[in-house]
Amino acid sequence: MHWWYWTPMFRWAEDWGGWFWIGIAAWVAFAALVLFLVIRLALRIANSSGGSDNSAKRESHALDILNERYARGELEREQYLEMKRLIER
C-alpha cells in the first residue's frame, strides 16, 4: 500500500468513490461561474457612462430625428415646436 492510503483525506475520498472528485469539480465550476458573473457585472458598471450622459445622447438623437422629419415636411411647425419642447423638457 501507498503511504498516502492511510491519510484520512484520501481514505474518505476512497470511501466516496468518484463522487468526492466530482464534488470538488462542481465547487470549482461554481466558483468560476460566480467569478465570471462578478467580473461581467463590474465591467458593465464600468462601461456605463452614467444616466445623464446616456439621456443627453438619447435627447440629441431624438432631436436629430425630429429635425429631419421637419425638414422633409412630415411635420407642421406647431407639431415640430410641441415635440421639440417635450424632448427638451
Foldseek 3Di string as FASTA:
>chain_A
DDPCCPPVVVVVCVVVPCVVVVVVVVVVVVVVVVVVVVVVVVVVVVPDPDDVVVLVVVLVVVLVVLVVCVVVVVDDPVVSVVVNVVSVD
